[in-house]
Amino acid sequence: LVNKDGIRKPSDIYKWDHRIIESEEMAPGGTIPRSRRHRTTRFDELEAFLTSDDERPFCLMHASRQPHAPYFGRLPNGLEGYDASNHYMDSEFGRDLELLEKHGLSENTIVIYINDNEAGIPRSKYTLYDSGLRVPCIVRWPGHTSPGTTSDAMISFIDFLPTLVELAGGDSDPQWDGKSLVPLLEGRVTEHHEGLYFSYTGVSVGSERDETPFPIRAYRTRRYKFIRNLNYKIRHPKLKGPRRLRVELYNLEIDPLERQNLEFFADLDPVMERLGDEIDAWMEKTGDKGIESELALLKRYPSS
């Protein structure tokens, strides 16, 4: 693992065979010495790992801390702030690719680029609208994926575990929620999931503690998105604006920006019932009790 793990509690149960943390050197555009988000990656150690005398296949995760605030200052190319942090993150990814090329690893290494959900635009982070759920995903797999192709199949982060296990020669656990992306990446299929579940947990047990539960659950098909706000009687504690309705239904084929709530269209009652049943079944399967579960989480991790 290179740089960030994003794990707060309990971090001791996640073990890494090899860990590289940021250097003490300031990155170009960095202005805050105490912030690890303004430090450079130790590419010398990363290169040493790639060239070590070990014939086993490797799984390397380079997790950038950019473009989270605090953002960079002005770069030599004129970019500053959020744009500068994005640019620096992209440049580090470019150095990763250059190292693979330099040491003859490009043709037999699968490169997967994924990113976080956007926080700097409305209706994104802290919501379950598509503007907060859809993230970039680029895969380079020489000899298997065709360069320049795209897919509109619905996939989820839960699919990467079984994908990596299959690529390493293992078998997926039948209890896993995700399924391998290998057939999709090789172009043998064009669809993946018929529907996906989503959950927003409205409390934080970290340093910026938020004890106001505002859990949101959703189920999305290719055509419809059904959202259930479990604590709809209050305003969303992290967002400005009016109170949320108890449920929201959107036809994504004609309303991709999710602006027209179809909850009150009687002819769509069967759709809401079917998608609501999907959420109910999923919450029961996972032991999700909504507000009660989130209050229990706060109790488990009392404020220090």
Protein backbone atom coordinates (compact mmCIF):
# COMPACT_ATOMS: atom_id res chain seq x y z
CA LEU A 1 0.00 0.00 0.00
CA VAL A 2 1.33 3.41 -0.99
CA ASN A 3 0.20 6.43 1.06
CA LYS A 4 -3.39 6.54 2.36
CA ASP A 5 -5.40 3.72 3.92
CA GLY A 6 -8.46 5.73 5.04
CA ILE A 7 -9.03 3.40 8.00
CA ARG A 8 -9.83 4.93 11.37
CA LYS A 9 -11.09 2.19 13.68
CA PRO A 10 -10.08 -0.53 14.27
CA SER A 11 -6.96 -0.09 12.11
CA ASP A 12 -5.01 -2.93 13.74
CA ILE A 13 -6.99 -5.65 11.94
CA TYR A 14 -5.87 -4.52 8.47
CA LYS A 15 -2.40 -5.87 7.74
CA TRP A 16 -0.22 -4.96 4.75
CA ASP A 17 2.79 -6.96 3.58
CA HIS A 18 4.51 -3.75 2.57
CA ARG A 19 3.65 -0.14 3.43
CA ILE A 20 5.08 3.05 1.94
CA ILE A 21 4.04 6.36 3.50
CA GLU A 22 4.61 9.86 2.15
CA SER A 23 8.01 11.49 2.43
CA GLU A 24 8.80 14.58 4.46
CA GLU A 25 9.41 16.56 1.25
CA MET A 26 6.86 19.13 0.14
CA ALA A 27 5.14 18.49 -3.17
CA PRO A 28 5.12 21.19 -5.89
CA GLY A 29 2.36 23.57 -4.88
CA GLY A 30 2.39 22.29 -1.32
CA THR A 31 2.05 25.02 1.29
CA ILE A 32 1.22 23.22 4.55
CA PRO A 33 4.17 21.18 5.89
CA ARG A 34 2.15 19.38 8.56
CA SER A 35 -0.35 17.98 6.04
CA ARG A 36 0.50 14.63 4.46
CA ARG A 37 -1.65 15.76 1.54
CA HIS A 38 1.11 18.25 0.69
CA ARG A 39 3.98 15.71 0.75
CA THR A 40 5.56 13.78 -2.11
CA THR A 41 5.22 10.05 -2.70
CA ARG A 42 8.35 7.98 -2.07
CA PHE A 43 8.72 6.80 -5.67
CA ASP A 44 12.20 5.46 -4.89
CA GLU A 45 10.69 2.97 -2.44
CA LEU A 46 7.86 2.18 -4.86
CA GLU A 47 10.42 1.43 -7.58
CA ALA A 48 12.42 -0.73 -5.18
CA PHE A 49 9.27 -2.77 -4.49
CA LEU A 50 8.56 -3.25 -8.21
CA THR A 51 12.15 -4.39 -8.88
CA SER A 52 12.61 -6.57 -5.80
CA ASP A 53 13.94 -10.12 -6.25
CA ASP A 54 10.52 -11.72 -5.94
CA GLU A 55 8.87 -13.63 -8.78
CA ARG A 56 5.39 -13.68 -7.22
CA PRO A 57 2.61 -11.58 -8.77
CA PHE A 58 2.02 -8.36 -6.83
CA CYS A 59 -1.02 -6.24 -5.98
CA LEU A 60 0.01 -2.64 -5.46
CA MET A 61 -2.42 0.06 -4.34
CA HIS A 62 -1.36 3.69 -4.72
CA ALA A 63 -3.96 5.68 -2.79
CA SER A 64 -3.63 9.42 -3.27
CA ARG A 65 -4.69 11.92 -0.62
CA GLN A 66 -5.41 14.53 -3.28
CA PRO A 67 -7.58 16.39 -4.12
CA HIS A 68 -8.92 16.54 -0.57
CA ALA A 69 -8.52 19.88 1.19
CA PRO A 70 -6.31 21.60 2.13
CA TYR A 71 -5.69 22.21 -1.55
CA PHE A 72 -2.36 23.10 -3.15
CA GLY A 73 -1.15 26.59 -3.85
CA ARG A 74 -0.23 27.81 -7.32
CA LEU A 75 1.71 25.42 -9.56
CA PRO A 76 4.26 26.51 -12.19
CA ASN A 77 1.61 25.83 -14.87
CA GLY A 78 -0.73 28.39 -13.26
CA LEU A 79 -3.20 25.96 -11.67
CA GLU A 80 -4.05 26.43 -8.02
CA GLY A 81 -6.40 25.11 -5.35
CA TYR A 82 -8.64 22.18 -6.25
CA ASP A 83 -7.43 22.10 -9.86
CA ALA A 84 -3.80 22.03 -8.74
CA SER A 85 -4.45 19.09 -6.40
CA ASN A 86 -6.16 17.22 -9.23
CA HIS A 87 -3.26 17.90 -11.56
CA TYR A 88 -0.70 16.65 -9.04
CA MET A 89 -2.69 13.46 -8.41
CA ASP A 90 -2.81 12.78 -12.17
CA SER A 91 0.91 13.43 -12.52
CA GLU A 92 1.68 10.84 -9.82
CA PHE A 93 -0.49 8.29 -11.60
CA GLY A 94 1.55 9.05 -14.71
CA ARG A 95 4.75 8.27 -12.81
CA ASP A 96 3.28 4.92 -11.76
CA LEU A 97 2.70 4.05 -15.41
CA GLU A 98 6.19 5.22 -16.35
CA LEU A 99 7.74 2.89 -13.75
CA LEU A 100 5.80 -0.08 -15.11
CA GLU A 101 7.03 0.77 -18.61
CA LYS A 102 10.59 1.35 -17.46
CA HIS A 103 10.89 -2.08 -15.88
CA GLY A 104 9.08 -4.09 -18.56
CA LEU A 105 5.93 -4.65 -16.50
CA SER A 106 3.35 -2.83 -18.63
CA GLU A 107 2.30 -5.77 -20.79
CA ASN A 108 1.61 -8.19 -17.94
CA THR A 109 0.18 -5.80 -15.35
CA ILE A 110 -3.50 -4.91 -15.01
CA VAL A 111 -3.93 -1.23 -14.15
CA ILE A 112 -7.20 -0.12 -12.56
CA TYR A 113 -7.81 3.58 -11.94
CA ILE A 114 -10.75 4.46 -9.69
CA ASN A 115 -11.56 7.63 -7.81
CA ASP A 116 -13.65 8.98 -4.97
CA ASN A 117 -17.10 10.54 -5.16
CA GLU A 118 -17.11 14.25 -5.85
CA ALA A 119 -17.45 16.58 -2.86
CA GLY A 120 -17.23 19.95 -4.58
CA ILE A 121 -20.50 19.94 -6.52
CA PRO A 122 -24.14 20.03 -5.32
CA ARG A 123 -26.06 16.80 -4.67
CA SER A 124 -22.92 14.68 -4.54
CA LYS A 125 -21.22 13.55 -1.35
CA TYR A 126 -23.64 12.88 1.54
CA THR A 127 -26.39 11.94 -0.93
CA LEU A 128 -27.34 8.91 -2.99
CA TYR A 129 -27.98 10.80 -6.21
CA ASP A 130 -26.02 9.59 -9.22
CA SER A 131 -23.85 12.73 -9.04
CA GLY A 132 -22.56 11.36 -5.73
CA LEU A 133 -22.44 7.68 -6.68
CA ARG A 134 -20.87 7.55 -10.13
CA VAL A 135 -17.07 7.67 -10.14
CA PRO A 136 -14.34 7.31 -12.78
CA CYS A 137 -13.12 3.82 -13.63
CA ILE A 138 -10.43 3.11 -16.22
CA VAL A 139 -8.93 -0.35 -16.79
CA ARG A 140 -5.86 -1.20 -18.88
CA TRP A 141 -5.36 -4.93 -19.40
CA PRO A 142 -3.14 -5.56 -22.44
CA GLY A 143 -4.35 -8.40 -24.61
CA HIS A 144 -7.73 -8.58 -22.86
CA THR A 145 -9.42 -5.15 -22.88
CA SER A 146 -9.65 -3.27 -26.17
CA PRO A 147 -8.14 0.24 -25.95
CA GLY A 148 -10.65 3.07 -26.28
CA THR A 149 -13.74 1.00 -25.54
CA THR A 150 -16.36 2.03 -23.01
CA SER A 151 -19.11 0.24 -21.11
CA ASP A 152 -22.35 1.43 -19.51
CA ALA A 153 -22.75 -1.74 -17.44
CA MET A 154 -23.64 -1.11 -13.79
CA ILE A 155 -20.77 -2.12 -11.53
CA SER A 156 -19.83 -1.40 -7.94
CA PHE A 157 -16.76 -1.28 -5.72
CA ILE A 158 -17.96 -4.58 -4.23
CA ASP A 159 -17.03 -6.19 -7.56
CA PHE A 160 -13.31 -5.49 -7.31
CA LEU A 161 -12.61 -8.06 -4.58
CA PRO A 162 -13.90 -11.06 -6.58
CA THR A 163 -12.27 -9.60 -9.72
CA LEU A 164 -8.81 -9.44 -8.14
CA VAL A 165 -9.23 -12.87 -6.56
CA GLU A 166 -10.10 -14.41 -9.94
CA LEU A 167 -7.18 -12.65 -11.64
CA ALA A 168 -4.89 -14.11 -8.98
CA GLY A 169 -6.20 -17.62 -9.69
CA GLY A 170 -8.57 -17.95 -6.74
CA ASP A 171 -12.28 -18.62 -6.40
CA SER A 172 -14.92 -16.16 -5.21
CA ASP A 173 -16.73 -16.79 -1.94
CA PRO A 174 -20.44 -17.45 -2.65
CA GLN A 175 -21.32 -15.13 0.26
CA TRP A 176 -19.69 -12.11 -1.37
CA ASP A 177 -22.12 -9.53 -2.71
CA GLY A 178 -19.95 -8.58 -5.68
CA LYS A 179 -19.13 -10.62 -8.76
CA SER A 180 -16.05 -10.69 -10.95
CA LEU A 181 -15.69 -8.12 -13.70
CA VAL A 182 -13.42 -10.34 -15.79
CA PRO A 183 -16.09 -11.38 -18.36
CA LEU A 184 -17.09 -7.73 -18.77
CA LEU A 185 -13.50 -6.51 -19.11
CA GLU A 186 -12.76 -9.15 -21.75
CA GLY A 187 -15.85 -8.15 -23.74
CA ARG A 188 -17.59 -11.50 -23.36
CA VAL A 189 -20.65 -9.83 -21.79
CA THR A 190 -22.12 -6.31 -21.92
CA GLU A 191 -24.24 -6.33 -18.73
CA HIS A 192 -23.23 -6.94 -15.12
CA HIS A 193 -25.72 -6.08 -12.34
CA GLU A 194 -29.45 -5.65 -12.93
CA GLY A 195 -29.70 -3.53 -9.79
CA LEU A 196 -27.44 -2.05 -7.10
CA TYR A 197 -27.96 -1.19 -3.44
CA PHE A 198 -26.59 1.99 -1.87
CA SER A 199 -26.22 3.20 1.70
CA TYR A 200 -25.28 6.54 3.22
CA THR A 201 -24.38 6.45 6.90
CA GLY A 202 -25.19 9.77 8.50
CA VAL A 203 -22.90 9.73 11.52
CA SER A 204 -19.16 10.04 11.89
CA VAL A 205 -17.12 8.43 14.65
CA GLY A 206 -13.90 10.20 13.72
CA SER A 207 -12.36 13.47 14.82
CA GLU A 208 -15.18 15.50 13.21
CA ARG A 209 -17.91 13.83 15.19
CA ASP A 210 -21.50 14.08 13.96
CA GLU A 211 -24.10 12.54 16.24
CA THR A 212 -27.16 13.32 14.12
CA PRO A 213 -28.20 10.19 12.22
CA PHE A 214 -29.47 10.83 8.71
CA PRO A 215 -29.27 7.38 7.08
CA ILE A 216 -30.25 7.07 3.42
CA ARG A 217 -30.84 3.82 1.54
CA ALA A 218 -31.40 3.36 -2.19
CA TYR A 219 -31.84 0.80 -4.93
CA ARG A 220 -31.00 1.57 -8.55
CA THR A 221 -31.90 -0.25 -11.74
CA ARG A 222 -30.92 0.91 -15.20
CA ARG A 223 -34.20 2.82 -15.43
CA TYR A 224 -35.23 3.78 -11.89
CA LYS A 225 -33.65 5.06 -8.67
CA PHE A 226 -35.63 4.63 -5.43
CA ILE A 227 -34.32 6.56 -2.41
CA ARG A 228 -35.51 6.20 1.17
CA ASN A 229 -34.58 8.91 3.72
CA LEU A 230 -34.93 7.19 7.08
CA ASN A 231 -34.83 10.36 9.19
CA TYR A 232 -36.71 12.62 6.78
CA LYS A 233 -38.41 14.69 9.51
CA ILE A 234 -35.22 16.67 10.09
CA ARG A 235 -33.01 18.57 7.69
CA HIS A 236 -29.94 16.81 6.40
CA PRO A 237 -27.28 17.81 8.98
CA LYS A 238 -24.50 18.13 6.37
CA LEU A 239 -26.40 19.85 3.58
CA LYS A 240 -28.21 23.13 3.13
CA GLY A 241 -31.67 23.25 1.66
CA PRO A 242 -35.19 22.03 2.40
CA ARG A 243 -36.09 18.89 4.27
CA ARG A 244 -35.91 15.66 2.33
CA LEU A 245 -39.07 13.72 1.49
CA ARG A 246 -39.53 10.27 2.98
CA VAL A 247 -39.02 8.58 -0.38
CA GLU A 248 -37.87 9.69 -3.82
CA LEU A 249 -38.33 7.97 -7.19
CA TYR A 250 -36.60 9.02 -10.41
CA ASN A 251 -36.80 7.77 -13.98
CA LEU A 252 -33.15 7.94 -14.96
CA GLU A 253 -33.79 7.36 -18.64
CA ILE A 254 -35.64 10.67 -19.04
CA ASP A 255 -34.41 12.48 -15.91
CA PRO A 256 -30.70 11.61 -15.44
CA LEU A 257 -30.15 14.61 -13.15
CA GLU A 258 -32.88 13.32 -10.78
CA ARG A 259 -34.86 16.56 -10.64
CA GLN A 260 -38.45 15.28 -10.86
CA ASN A 261 -39.55 13.15 -7.94
CA LEU A 262 -42.20 10.68 -9.15
CA GLU A 263 -43.32 9.58 -5.69
CA PHE A 264 -46.87 10.92 -6.14
CA PHE A 265 -47.54 9.31 -9.53
CA ALA A 266 -50.07 6.60 -8.63
CA ASP A 267 -49.32 4.52 -11.72
CA LEU A 268 -45.75 4.04 -10.44
CA ASP A 269 -46.83 2.61 -7.08
CA PRO A 270 -45.95 -0.95 -8.22
CA VAL A 271 -42.44 0.23 -9.13
CA MET A 272 -41.92 1.85 -5.73
CA GLU A 273 -43.26 -1.22 -3.97
CA ARG A 274 -40.94 -3.54 -5.89
CA LEU A 275 -37.84 -1.41 -5.33
CA GLY A 276 -38.79 -0.80 -1.71
CA ASP A 277 -39.03 -4.56 -1.20
CA GLU A 278 -35.47 -4.86 -2.56
CA ILE A 279 -34.23 -2.37 0.05
CA ASP A 280 -36.14 -4.13 2.84
CA ALA A 281 -34.66 -7.51 1.91
CA TRP A 282 -31.15 -6.09 1.70
CA MET A 283 -31.42 -4.32 5.07
CA GLU A 284 -32.69 -7.49 6.70
CA LYS A 285 -29.91 -9.56 5.15
CA THR A 286 -27.21 -7.20 6.40
CA GLY A 287 -28.72 -6.54 9.83
CA ASP A 288 -29.24 -2.88 8.96
CA LYS A 289 -31.71 -1.27 11.38
CA GLY A 290 -31.28 2.25 10.06
CA ILE A 291 -31.28 4.95 12.75
CA GLU A 292 -31.01 2.34 15.51
CA SER A 293 -27.85 0.89 13.95
CA GLU A 294 -26.26 4.31 13.60
CA LEU A 295 -26.96 5.22 17.23
CA ALA A 296 -25.41 1.90 18.24
CA LEU A 297 -22.30 2.80 16.26
CA LEU A 298 -21.94 6.06 18.18
CA LYS A 299 -22.32 4.16 21.44
CA ARG A 300 -19.65 1.66 20.39
CA TYR A 301 -17.18 4.46 19.71
CA PRO A 302 -17.82 7.05 22.45
CA SER A 303 -16.41 10.51 22.06
CA SER A 304 -12.89 10.79 23.48
